[in-house]
Every structure is written in structure tokens, then in C-alpha cells.
Amino acid sequence: MTMARFTVLPSRLHERTARHAGTPVRGHAGEWVAKNASTSWFTRQLGLWTRSLAPPRPLCAPAARATAREASWPLARDLTSAGRARHLVTGRLRDWGLDAHGDLADTAELLVSEIVTNALRHARGPVRLNLRAEGDRLLCEVEDACDADPVRRTAPLGAEGGRGIELLDLLSEAWGSHRTATGKTTWFELSLRP
């Protein structure tokens, strides 16, 4: 199904709704929608529906406009991106005044490094880091183009890697992964309570 079909369908629905309601449709259905948008329940619902069908922002761009407690950064696919992600997170926590919350900055830095490294190692395509402070929690998300969930492995005793999920289990309040239209998002939460 192409996007053009989705844009034609709402205007037909508006024409039918207007006819059934006894309201004459003058000109293009879009004009009728523009005139009656503030009063029509159907139009408001249709607006919500069409926004949910909007294409997702590409991973090579920020997820949304930065707000007072929300930030997003696209990361390049190179070896320096994990270090850049650590610096971005600790800098933003400092800007938000959250660096004095015990070990929050150190824990966030370690876990961000782990999930960004996993995204760079196992996924192809762009990677995006999102950080949001809501109420008494800090949410960090790493989006990538791979739809495979993270896999828990048992690392040999002397191995340098393979412990990322163990660290997420031990240090975060909650963590998980879910599929998105562009791949998957791996996330973790930390408490902002002292």
C-alpha cells in the first residue's frame, strides 16, 4: 500500500461523513476539513490517525526537537561513536544539573557505552542516541536499523566483552528492547532519586 492511498482515503471519508451528516461538500473535501476542523470530532480523530502513519524520522537525524529535559543525537558508524556518546550523555546530565545525583553520571556513561557499542557492532546502518529525564527517572534509548533483540551470552571468565546485558541487569532500574519501524530501540532507565 503506498502513501498516496493513505492521503486519498481521508478526503473520501470526509466527503461521505459530510453527506451523511447533511452538510454539503463545497469544492475539495480538504477545504471542508479546513473550515470545520475546530468543531469536527471526526477531523480531530483523523488528524491523530494520519500523524500516527507519518513516516518515522531517519536515524541519521535527531529524533525530535530538543526540549529542556530531552536530547537526541545521531551517531556515526565509526569507532569513536561510543566515546562520543559517553561525552554527550555526561555533558547533558551536567547541563541538566543531574551530575550530582550520586553515581548517576558514571552509571549512565557505562550503560550508554555498552548499548551504543552493541548497536555499532551488531547492526548495520545509522544509530541514534536519545536521552530524557522524566519525573524521577532517566530514560536512555539507542535506536538502530537491526530488528534482532539483544542476546544474553555467558562470557568466558577472561573475555573482554559479552557482559553488556549483565551490566544492564545489575545497574539499571529497568531495561528492554522493542521493534520499531526503522529497526529496534534498546533502552534502560535509571532512578533520579537520591
N, C-alpha and C. Protein backbone atom coordinates (compact mmCIF):
# COMPACT_ATOMS: atom_id res chain seq x y z
N MET A 1 0.85 -1.16 0.00
CA MET A 1 0.00 0.00 0.00
C MET A 1 0.90 1.23 0.00
N THR A 2 0.68 2.14 -0.89
CA THR A 2 1.52 3.33 -1.00
C THR A 2 0.97 4.45 -0.14
N MET A 3 1.83 5.43 0.10
CA MET A 3 1.41 6.56 0.91
C MET A 3 0.32 7.37 0.22
N ALA A 4 0.30 7.37 -1.11
CA ALA A 4 -0.72 8.13 -1.84
C ALA A 4 -2.12 7.61 -1.52
N ARG A 5 -2.25 6.32 -1.33
CA ARG A 5 -3.56 5.77 -0.98
C ARG A 5 -4.03 6.28 0.37
N PHE A 6 -3.11 6.45 1.31
CA PHE A 6 -3.50 6.96 2.61
C PHE A 6 -3.95 8.41 2.54
N THR A 7 -3.36 9.19 1.64
CA THR A 7 -3.76 10.59 1.57
C THR A 7 -5.08 10.76 0.83
N VAL A 8 -5.42 9.86 -0.08
CA VAL A 8 -6.69 9.95 -0.79
C VAL A 8 -7.83 9.48 0.10
N LEU A 9 -7.61 8.46 0.87
CA LEU A 9 -8.65 7.87 1.70
C LEU A 9 -9.31 8.87 2.66
N PRO A 10 -8.55 9.69 3.41
CA PRO A 10 -9.23 10.61 4.33
C PRO A 10 -10.17 11.58 3.63
N SER A 11 -9.82 12.08 2.43
CA SER A 11 -10.73 13.02 1.77
C SER A 11 -12.02 12.31 1.38
N ARG A 12 -11.96 11.06 0.96
CA ARG A 12 -13.19 10.32 0.65
C ARG A 12 -14.02 10.11 1.91
N LEU A 13 -13.36 9.83 3.02
CA LEU A 13 -14.09 9.65 4.27
C LEU A 13 -14.78 10.93 4.69
N HIS A 14 -14.11 12.07 4.50
CA HIS A 14 -14.72 13.35 4.84
C HIS A 14 -15.93 13.62 3.96
N GLU A 15 -15.84 13.31 2.66
CA GLU A 15 -16.97 13.52 1.77
C GLU A 15 -18.16 12.68 2.21
N ARG A 16 -17.91 11.42 2.54
CA ARG A 16 -19.00 10.54 2.97
C ARG A 16 -19.60 11.02 4.28
N THR A 17 -18.75 11.39 5.22
CA THR A 17 -19.24 11.85 6.51
C THR A 17 -20.08 13.11 6.35
N ALA A 18 -19.61 14.03 5.51
CA ALA A 18 -20.36 15.26 5.30
C ALA A 18 -21.70 14.98 4.65
N ARG A 19 -21.77 14.08 3.70
CA ARG A 19 -23.04 13.77 3.04
C ARG A 19 -24.02 13.13 4.01
N HIS A 20 -23.51 12.21 4.83
CA HIS A 20 -24.39 11.54 5.78
C HIS A 20 -24.87 12.48 6.87
N ALA A 21 -24.10 13.49 7.17
CA ALA A 21 -24.48 14.43 8.21
C ALA A 21 -25.37 15.54 7.66
N GLY A 22 -25.57 15.54 6.35
CA GLY A 22 -26.41 16.57 5.75
C GLY A 22 -25.65 17.85 5.45
N THR A 23 -24.36 17.86 5.60
CA THR A 23 -23.56 19.04 5.31
C THR A 23 -23.11 18.97 3.87
N PRO A 24 -23.39 19.98 3.07
CA PRO A 24 -22.96 19.93 1.67
C PRO A 24 -21.45 20.07 1.57
N VAL A 25 -20.86 19.31 0.65
CA VAL A 25 -19.43 19.39 0.40
C VAL A 25 -19.23 20.38 -0.72
N ARG A 26 -18.57 21.47 -0.42
CA ARG A 26 -18.31 22.50 -1.41
C ARG A 26 -16.85 22.41 -1.82
N GLY A 27 -16.62 22.23 -3.09
CA GLY A 27 -15.24 22.16 -3.57
C GLY A 27 -14.56 20.91 -3.08
N HIS A 28 -13.30 21.02 -2.88
CA HIS A 28 -12.49 19.89 -2.44
C HIS A 28 -12.78 19.57 -0.98
N ALA A 29 -12.74 18.31 -0.64
CA ALA A 29 -13.03 17.90 0.74
C ALA A 29 -12.06 18.53 1.73
N GLY A 30 -10.83 18.80 1.30
CA GLY A 30 -9.85 19.42 2.17
C GLY A 30 -10.27 20.80 2.62
N GLU A 31 -10.97 21.54 1.76
CA GLU A 31 -11.47 22.85 2.14
C GLU A 31 -12.53 22.72 3.23
N TRP A 32 -13.40 21.72 3.08
CA TRP A 32 -14.42 21.48 4.09
C TRP A 32 -13.76 21.13 5.43
N VAL A 33 -12.70 20.32 5.36
CA VAL A 33 -11.98 19.95 6.58
C VAL A 33 -11.37 21.18 7.22
N ALA A 34 -10.75 22.04 6.42
CA ALA A 34 -10.12 23.25 6.97
C ALA A 34 -11.14 24.16 7.64
N LYS A 35 -12.34 24.28 7.07
CA LYS A 35 -13.37 25.15 7.63
C LYS A 35 -13.95 24.59 8.92
N ASN A 36 -14.04 23.27 9.03
CA ASN A 36 -14.72 22.64 10.15
C ASN A 36 -13.79 21.90 11.09
N ALA A 37 -12.49 22.12 10.98
CA ALA A 37 -11.52 21.36 11.76
C ALA A 37 -11.68 21.59 13.26
N SER A 38 -12.05 22.79 13.66
CA SER A 38 -12.11 23.07 15.08
C SER A 38 -13.34 22.45 15.74
N THR A 39 -14.37 22.12 14.97
CA THR A 39 -15.60 21.63 15.58
C THR A 39 -15.85 20.15 15.32
N SER A 40 -15.17 19.55 14.38
CA SER A 40 -15.48 18.18 14.00
C SER A 40 -14.66 17.17 14.79
N TRP A 41 -15.34 16.30 15.52
CA TRP A 41 -14.68 15.22 16.24
C TRP A 41 -13.96 14.31 15.26
N PHE A 42 -14.63 14.02 14.14
CA PHE A 42 -14.06 13.14 13.14
C PHE A 42 -12.75 13.68 12.59
N THR A 43 -12.69 14.98 12.34
CA THR A 43 -11.49 15.61 11.82
C THR A 43 -10.34 15.51 12.81
N ARG A 44 -10.64 15.74 14.09
CA ARG A 44 -9.58 15.61 15.11
C ARG A 44 -9.06 14.18 15.18
N GLN A 45 -9.98 13.21 15.12
CA GLN A 45 -9.56 11.81 15.15
C GLN A 45 -8.74 11.46 13.92
N LEU A 46 -9.16 11.97 12.78
CA LEU A 46 -8.44 11.72 11.54
C LEU A 46 -7.03 12.32 11.60
N GLY A 47 -6.90 13.50 12.20
CA GLY A 47 -5.59 14.11 12.36
C GLY A 47 -4.68 13.25 13.21
N LEU A 48 -5.20 12.69 14.29
CA LEU A 48 -4.40 11.80 15.12
C LEU A 48 -3.99 10.55 14.34
N TRP A 49 -4.91 10.02 13.56
CA TRP A 49 -4.65 8.81 12.77
C TRP A 49 -3.56 9.06 11.73
N THR A 50 -3.66 10.18 11.01
CA THR A 50 -2.67 10.44 9.96
C THR A 50 -1.31 10.75 10.55
N ARG A 51 -1.26 11.37 11.74
CA ARG A 51 0.05 11.60 12.37
C ARG A 51 0.69 10.28 12.76
N SER A 52 -0.11 9.31 13.18
CA SER A 52 0.47 8.01 13.55
C SER A 52 1.00 7.27 12.33
N LEU A 53 0.51 7.60 11.14
CA LEU A 53 1.01 6.98 9.92
C LEU A 53 2.17 7.74 9.29
N ALA A 54 2.54 8.87 9.89
CA ALA A 54 3.63 9.66 9.34
C ALA A 54 4.91 8.83 9.36
N PRO A 55 5.74 8.98 8.35
CA PRO A 55 6.97 8.20 8.32
C PRO A 55 7.88 8.59 9.48
N PRO A 56 8.60 7.62 10.05
CA PRO A 56 9.49 7.93 11.17
C PRO A 56 10.66 8.78 10.69
N ARG A 57 11.21 9.55 11.61
CA ARG A 57 12.40 10.34 11.27
C ARG A 57 13.56 9.39 11.03
N PRO A 58 14.39 9.67 10.04
CA PRO A 58 15.53 8.79 9.78
C PRO A 58 16.49 8.79 10.97
N LEU A 59 17.17 7.67 11.18
CA LEU A 59 18.07 7.55 12.31
C LEU A 59 19.28 8.47 12.21
N CYS A 60 19.55 8.98 11.02
CA CYS A 60 20.70 9.88 10.86
C CYS A 60 20.35 11.32 11.24
N ALA A 61 19.15 11.54 11.79
CA ALA A 61 18.72 12.86 12.27
C ALA A 61 18.27 12.72 13.72
N PRO A 62 18.27 13.82 14.47
CA PRO A 62 17.74 13.75 15.84
C PRO A 62 16.29 13.27 15.83
N ALA A 63 15.88 12.60 16.91
CA ALA A 63 14.53 12.04 16.99
C ALA A 63 13.48 13.13 17.01
N ALA A 64 13.75 14.21 17.67
CA ALA A 64 12.79 15.30 17.79
C ALA A 64 13.53 16.55 18.20
N ARG A 65 12.80 17.61 18.30
CA ARG A 65 13.39 18.87 18.74
C ARG A 65 13.76 18.75 20.22
N ALA A 66 14.97 19.16 20.56
CA ALA A 66 15.42 19.07 21.95
C ALA A 66 14.56 19.97 22.84
N THR A 67 14.21 19.45 24.00
CA THR A 67 13.45 20.23 24.98
C THR A 67 14.32 20.40 26.21
N ALA A 68 13.73 20.97 27.26
CA ALA A 68 14.50 21.24 28.47
C ALA A 68 15.07 19.97 29.09
N ARG A 69 14.38 18.85 28.98
CA ARG A 69 14.85 17.60 29.59
C ARG A 69 14.86 16.44 28.61
N GLU A 70 15.10 16.74 27.34
CA GLU A 70 15.13 15.70 26.31
C GLU A 70 16.19 16.08 25.27
N ALA A 71 16.96 15.08 24.84
CA ALA A 71 18.00 15.32 23.84
C ALA A 71 18.12 14.11 22.94
N SER A 72 18.61 14.31 21.73
CA SER A 72 18.76 13.24 20.75
C SER A 72 19.93 13.56 19.84
N TRP A 73 20.74 12.54 19.56
CA TRP A 73 21.91 12.73 18.71
C TRP A 73 22.07 11.55 17.76
N PRO A 74 22.25 11.81 16.47
CA PRO A 74 22.64 10.73 15.55
C PRO A 74 24.12 10.43 15.78
N LEU A 75 24.49 9.16 15.66
CA LEU A 75 25.88 8.76 15.86
C LEU A 75 26.41 8.13 14.58
N ALA A 76 27.63 8.49 14.24
CA ALA A 76 28.26 7.92 13.05
C ALA A 76 28.67 6.47 13.31
N ARG A 77 28.79 5.72 12.25
CA ARG A 77 29.21 4.33 12.38
C ARG A 77 30.73 4.25 12.33
N ASP A 78 31.36 4.69 13.40
CA ASP A 78 32.82 4.55 13.49
C ASP A 78 33.22 4.26 14.92
N LEU A 79 34.49 3.97 15.12
CA LEU A 79 34.97 3.53 16.42
C LEU A 79 34.89 4.60 17.51
N THR A 80 34.81 5.85 17.13
CA THR A 80 34.78 6.92 18.13
C THR A 80 33.38 7.22 18.64
N SER A 81 32.35 6.61 18.09
CA SER A 81 30.97 6.94 18.46
C SER A 81 30.62 6.56 19.89
N ALA A 82 31.16 5.46 20.40
CA ALA A 82 30.87 5.08 21.79
C ALA A 82 31.45 6.13 22.75
N GLY A 83 32.65 6.60 22.48
CA GLY A 83 33.25 7.64 23.30
C GLY A 83 32.48 8.95 23.18
N ARG A 84 32.06 9.29 21.97
CA ARG A 84 31.26 10.50 21.77
C ARG A 84 29.95 10.40 22.54
N ALA A 85 29.31 9.23 22.51
CA ALA A 85 28.05 9.02 23.23
C ALA A 85 28.26 9.23 24.73
N ARG A 86 29.36 8.71 25.27
CA ARG A 86 29.65 8.91 26.71
C ARG A 86 29.77 10.39 27.04
N HIS A 87 30.49 11.13 26.21
CA HIS A 87 30.68 12.56 26.45
C HIS A 87 29.37 13.34 26.31
N LEU A 88 28.56 12.97 25.33
CA LEU A 88 27.27 13.64 25.15
C LEU A 88 26.37 13.45 26.36
N VAL A 89 26.31 12.22 26.86
CA VAL A 89 25.44 11.93 28.00
C VAL A 89 25.93 12.63 29.27
N THR A 90 27.20 12.52 29.57
CA THR A 90 27.69 13.16 30.79
C THR A 90 27.58 14.69 30.70
N GLY A 91 27.82 15.25 29.52
CA GLY A 91 27.67 16.69 29.34
C GLY A 91 26.23 17.14 29.52
N ARG A 92 25.28 16.38 28.97
CA ARG A 92 23.87 16.75 29.10
C ARG A 92 23.40 16.60 30.54
N LEU A 93 23.85 15.54 31.23
CA LEU A 93 23.47 15.39 32.64
C LEU A 93 24.02 16.55 33.46
N ARG A 94 25.22 17.01 33.15
CA ARG A 94 25.80 18.17 33.82
C ARG A 94 24.97 19.42 33.52
N ASP A 95 24.57 19.60 32.26
CA ASP A 95 23.73 20.75 31.88
C ASP A 95 22.39 20.74 32.61
N TRP A 96 21.84 19.57 32.81
CA TRP A 96 20.55 19.43 33.49
C TRP A 96 20.68 19.47 35.02
N GLY A 97 21.91 19.54 35.52
CA GLY A 97 22.14 19.57 36.97
C GLY A 97 21.96 18.21 37.63
N LEU A 98 22.09 17.13 36.86
CA LEU A 98 21.90 15.79 37.40
C LEU A 98 23.21 15.05 37.68
N ASP A 99 24.33 15.72 37.47
CA ASP A 99 25.61 15.06 37.69
C ASP A 99 25.94 14.88 39.17
N ALA A 100 25.22 15.56 40.04
CA ALA A 100 25.47 15.44 41.48
C ALA A 100 24.61 14.35 42.12
N HIS A 101 23.84 13.62 41.34
CA HIS A 101 22.97 12.55 41.86
C HIS A 101 23.78 11.27 42.06
N GLY A 102 24.64 11.23 43.02
CA GLY A 102 25.40 10.02 43.34
C GLY A 102 26.20 9.51 42.15
N ASP A 103 26.00 8.25 41.83
CA ASP A 103 26.73 7.61 40.73
C ASP A 103 25.97 7.65 39.42
N LEU A 104 24.97 8.50 39.31
CA LEU A 104 24.12 8.52 38.12
C LEU A 104 24.92 8.74 36.84
N ALA A 105 25.79 9.75 36.82
CA ALA A 105 26.53 10.06 35.60
C ALA A 105 27.46 8.90 35.22
N ASP A 106 28.13 8.31 36.21
CA ASP A 106 29.03 7.19 35.91
C ASP A 106 28.28 5.98 35.40
N THR A 107 27.14 5.68 36.03
CA THR A 107 26.34 4.53 35.61
C THR A 107 25.76 4.75 34.23
N ALA A 108 25.22 5.94 33.98
CA ALA A 108 24.67 6.24 32.66
C ALA A 108 25.76 6.17 31.60
N GLU A 109 26.93 6.68 31.91
CA GLU A 109 28.05 6.65 30.96
C GLU A 109 28.43 5.22 30.60
N LEU A 110 28.52 4.34 31.59
CA LEU A 110 28.88 2.95 31.35
C LEU A 110 27.82 2.22 30.53
N LEU A 111 26.55 2.38 30.90
CA LEU A 111 25.49 1.67 30.20
C LEU A 111 25.28 2.19 28.78
N VAL A 112 25.41 3.51 28.59
CA VAL A 112 25.31 4.07 27.24
C VAL A 112 26.43 3.50 26.37
N SER A 113 27.62 3.45 26.93
CA SER A 113 28.75 2.89 26.19
C SER A 113 28.47 1.46 25.76
N GLU A 114 27.89 0.67 26.64
CA GLU A 114 27.59 -0.73 26.33
C GLU A 114 26.56 -0.87 25.22
N ILE A 115 25.44 -0.15 25.31
CA ILE A 115 24.41 -0.37 24.29
C ILE A 115 24.74 0.31 22.96
N VAL A 116 25.49 1.41 23.00
CA VAL A 116 25.93 2.01 21.74
C VAL A 116 26.95 1.09 21.06
N THR A 117 27.86 0.52 21.82
CA THR A 117 28.84 -0.41 21.25
C THR A 117 28.14 -1.61 20.65
N ASN A 118 27.13 -2.15 21.34
CA ASN A 118 26.38 -3.29 20.81
C ASN A 118 25.67 -2.92 19.51
N ALA A 119 25.08 -1.72 19.47
CA ALA A 119 24.39 -1.29 18.25
C ALA A 119 25.39 -1.15 17.10
N LEU A 120 26.55 -0.60 17.37
CA LEU A 120 27.56 -0.43 16.32
C LEU A 120 28.14 -1.76 15.88
N ARG A 121 28.26 -2.69 16.80
CA ARG A 121 28.86 -3.99 16.48
C ARG A 121 27.90 -4.91 15.74
N HIS A 122 26.64 -4.92 16.13
CA HIS A 122 25.71 -5.93 15.61
C HIS A 122 24.72 -5.42 14.58
N ALA A 123 24.55 -4.13 14.44
CA ALA A 123 23.57 -3.59 13.50
C ALA A 123 24.28 -2.90 12.34
N ARG A 124 23.58 -2.84 11.25
CA ARG A 124 24.08 -2.08 10.11
C ARG A 124 23.23 -0.83 9.98
N GLY A 125 23.82 0.21 9.44
CA GLY A 125 23.07 1.45 9.25
C GLY A 125 23.28 2.41 10.39
N PRO A 126 22.53 3.48 10.39
CA PRO A 126 22.72 4.55 11.37
C PRO A 126 22.26 4.17 12.77
N VAL A 127 22.74 4.93 13.75
CA VAL A 127 22.42 4.73 15.16
C VAL A 127 22.05 6.09 15.74
N ARG A 128 21.06 6.10 16.64
CA ARG A 128 20.66 7.36 17.28
C ARG A 128 20.56 7.14 18.78
N LEU A 129 21.04 8.10 19.54
CA LEU A 129 21.01 8.08 21.00
C LEU A 129 19.99 9.12 21.47
N ASN A 130 19.06 8.71 22.32
CA ASN A 130 18.04 9.60 22.88
C ASN A 130 18.16 9.58 24.40
N LEU A 131 18.05 10.73 25.02
CA LEU A 131 18.15 10.84 26.47
C LEU A 131 17.01 11.72 26.96
N ARG A 132 16.31 11.26 28.01
CA ARG A 132 15.16 12.01 28.51
C ARG A 132 15.07 11.85 30.03
N ALA A 133 14.92 12.97 30.74
CA ALA A 133 14.69 12.95 32.18
C ALA A 133 13.23 13.28 32.41
N GLU A 134 12.51 12.32 33.01
CA GLU A 134 11.07 12.47 33.27
C GLU A 134 10.81 12.18 34.73
N GLY A 135 10.32 13.15 35.45
CA GLY A 135 9.98 12.92 36.85
C GLY A 135 11.18 12.45 37.64
N ASP A 136 11.10 11.24 38.17
CA ASP A 136 12.19 10.71 38.98
C ASP A 136 12.98 9.62 38.26
N ARG A 137 13.00 9.67 36.92
CA ARG A 137 13.76 8.65 36.19
C ARG A 137 14.45 9.26 34.97
N LEU A 138 15.53 8.61 34.60
CA LEU A 138 16.28 8.98 33.40
C LEU A 138 16.12 7.83 32.41
N LEU A 139 15.67 8.15 31.21
CA LEU A 139 15.47 7.14 30.17
C LEU A 139 16.49 7.38 29.07
N CYS A 140 17.21 6.33 28.73
CA CYS A 140 18.18 6.40 27.63
C CYS A 140 17.78 5.35 26.61
N GLU A 141 17.75 5.75 25.33
CA GLU A 141 17.39 4.85 24.24
C GLU A 141 18.46 4.90 23.18
N VAL A 142 18.76 3.75 22.60
CA VAL A 142 19.64 3.68 21.44
C VAL A 142 18.86 2.98 20.34
N GLU A 143 18.67 3.69 19.23
CA GLU A 143 17.93 3.14 18.09
C GLU A 143 18.92 2.72 17.02
N ASP A 144 18.65 1.56 16.41
CA ASP A 144 19.47 1.11 15.29
C ASP A 144 18.60 0.45 14.24
N ALA A 145 19.20 0.07 13.14
CA ALA A 145 18.44 -0.45 12.00
C ALA A 145 18.28 -1.97 12.02
N CYS A 146 18.75 -2.64 13.04
CA CYS A 146 18.62 -4.10 13.14
C CYS A 146 17.38 -4.42 13.98
N ASP A 147 16.58 -5.39 13.53
CA ASP A 147 15.37 -5.72 14.29
C ASP A 147 15.55 -6.91 15.23
N ALA A 148 16.76 -7.46 15.32
CA ALA A 148 17.02 -8.60 16.22
C ALA A 148 17.21 -8.09 17.65
N ASP A 149 16.56 -8.77 18.60
CA ASP A 149 16.68 -8.40 20.00
C ASP A 149 18.08 -8.72 20.52
N PRO A 150 18.52 -8.01 21.57
CA PRO A 150 19.82 -8.34 22.17
C PRO A 150 19.80 -9.76 22.73
N VAL A 151 20.94 -10.43 22.63
CA VAL A 151 21.04 -11.82 23.07
C VAL A 151 21.95 -11.90 24.28
N ARG A 152 21.45 -12.54 25.32
CA ARG A 152 22.26 -12.74 26.53
C ARG A 152 23.23 -13.90 26.28
N ARG A 153 24.50 -13.60 26.54
CA ARG A 153 25.52 -14.63 26.38
C ARG A 153 26.24 -14.82 27.70
N THR A 154 26.77 -16.01 27.89
CA THR A 154 27.61 -16.26 29.05
C THR A 154 29.05 -16.08 28.59
N ALA A 155 29.68 -15.05 29.12
CA ALA A 155 31.04 -14.74 28.71
C ALA A 155 32.03 -15.61 29.48
N PRO A 156 33.05 -16.10 28.79
CA PRO A 156 34.11 -16.83 29.50
C PRO A 156 34.77 -15.93 30.53
N LEU A 157 35.41 -16.52 31.51
CA LEU A 157 35.96 -15.78 32.64
C LEU A 157 36.93 -14.68 32.22
N GLY A 158 37.79 -14.92 31.27
CA GLY A 158 38.79 -13.93 30.88
C GLY A 158 38.40 -13.07 29.69
N ALA A 159 37.17 -13.19 29.19
CA ALA A 159 36.75 -12.46 28.00
C ALA A 159 36.61 -10.97 28.29
N GLU A 160 36.93 -10.16 27.27
CA GLU A 160 36.82 -8.71 27.42
C GLU A 160 35.40 -8.21 27.19
N GLY A 161 34.59 -8.94 26.45
CA GLY A 161 33.24 -8.50 26.14
C GLY A 161 32.21 -9.54 26.52
N GLY A 162 30.97 -9.27 26.13
CA GLY A 162 29.90 -10.23 26.36
C GLY A 162 29.15 -10.05 27.66
N ARG A 163 29.37 -8.95 28.35
CA ARG A 163 28.72 -8.72 29.64
C ARG A 163 27.77 -7.53 29.65
N GLY A 164 27.43 -7.01 28.49
CA GLY A 164 26.59 -5.82 28.42
C GLY A 164 25.22 -6.01 29.04
N ILE A 165 24.56 -7.12 28.74
CA ILE A 165 23.23 -7.36 29.29
C ILE A 165 23.31 -7.61 30.80
N GLU A 166 24.37 -8.27 31.24
CA GLU A 166 24.56 -8.46 32.68
C GLU A 166 24.69 -7.12 33.39
N LEU A 167 25.43 -6.18 32.78
CA LEU A 167 25.56 -4.84 33.36
C LEU A 167 24.22 -4.12 33.38
N LEU A 168 23.44 -4.24 32.31
CA LEU A 168 22.10 -3.63 32.29
C LEU A 168 21.24 -4.19 33.41
N ASP A 169 21.29 -5.52 33.61
CA ASP A 169 20.52 -6.14 34.68
C ASP A 169 20.93 -5.63 36.06
N LEU A 170 22.23 -5.50 36.27
CA LEU A 170 22.74 -5.13 37.58
C LEU A 170 22.58 -3.65 37.92
N LEU A 171 22.75 -2.78 36.94
CA LEU A 171 22.87 -1.36 37.24
C LEU A 171 21.62 -0.52 36.92
N SER A 172 20.75 -1.01 36.05
CA SER A 172 19.58 -0.20 35.69
C SER A 172 18.36 -0.60 36.50
N GLU A 173 17.41 0.34 36.61
CA GLU A 173 16.13 0.05 37.25
C GLU A 173 15.31 -0.89 36.38
N ALA A 174 15.35 -0.64 35.08
CA ALA A 174 14.63 -1.46 34.10
C ALA A 174 15.33 -1.27 32.76
N TRP A 175 15.21 -2.27 31.90
CA TRP A 175 15.75 -2.15 30.56
C TRP A 175 14.96 -3.06 29.63
N GLY A 176 15.08 -2.82 28.35
CA GLY A 176 14.38 -3.66 27.39
C GLY A 176 14.71 -3.27 25.97
N SER A 177 14.01 -3.92 25.07
CA SER A 177 14.19 -3.66 23.65
C SER A 177 12.86 -3.87 22.97
N HIS A 178 12.55 -3.05 21.99
CA HIS A 178 11.33 -3.24 21.23
C HIS A 178 11.59 -2.86 19.77
N ARG A 179 10.83 -3.52 18.90
CA ARG A 179 10.97 -3.25 17.47
C ARG A 179 10.28 -1.96 17.10
N THR A 180 10.85 -1.28 16.12
CA THR A 180 10.29 -0.03 15.62
C THR A 180 10.18 -0.13 14.10
N ALA A 181 9.66 0.90 13.48
CA ALA A 181 9.54 0.92 12.02
C ALA A 181 10.90 0.94 11.34
N THR A 182 11.92 1.43 12.04
CA THR A 182 13.25 1.51 11.44
C THR A 182 14.20 0.44 11.93
N GLY A 183 13.80 -0.40 12.85
CA GLY A 183 14.68 -1.46 13.38
C GLY A 183 14.29 -1.81 14.79
N LYS A 184 15.10 -1.38 15.75
CA LYS A 184 14.76 -1.63 17.16
C LYS A 184 15.30 -0.50 18.03
N THR A 185 14.76 -0.41 19.22
CA THR A 185 15.22 0.52 20.24
C THR A 185 15.57 -0.28 21.48
N THR A 186 16.78 -0.12 21.96
CA THR A 186 17.20 -0.72 23.23
C THR A 186 17.26 0.42 24.23
N TRP A 187 16.68 0.22 25.40
CA TRP A 187 16.55 1.31 26.37
C TRP A 187 16.87 0.83 27.77
N PHE A 188 17.18 1.78 28.63
CA PHE A 188 17.30 1.50 30.06
C PHE A 188 16.85 2.72 30.84
N GLU A 189 16.45 2.47 32.09
CA GLU A 189 16.03 3.54 32.99
C GLU A 189 16.90 3.53 34.23
N LEU A 190 17.21 4.72 34.72
CA LEU A 190 17.92 4.90 35.98
C LEU A 190 17.08 5.80 36.86
N SER A 191 17.15 5.58 38.15
CA SER A 191 16.39 6.39 39.09
C SER A 191 17.11 7.72 39.33
N LEU A 192 16.35 8.79 39.41
CA LEU A 192 16.90 10.10 39.73
C LEU A 192 16.75 10.43 41.21
N ARG A 193 16.16 9.50 41.95
CA ARG A 193 16.01 9.72 43.39
C ARG A 193 17.36 9.58 44.07
N PRO A 194 17.68 10.48 45.02
CA PRO A 194 18.99 10.39 45.70
C PRO A 194 19.12 9.17 46.57
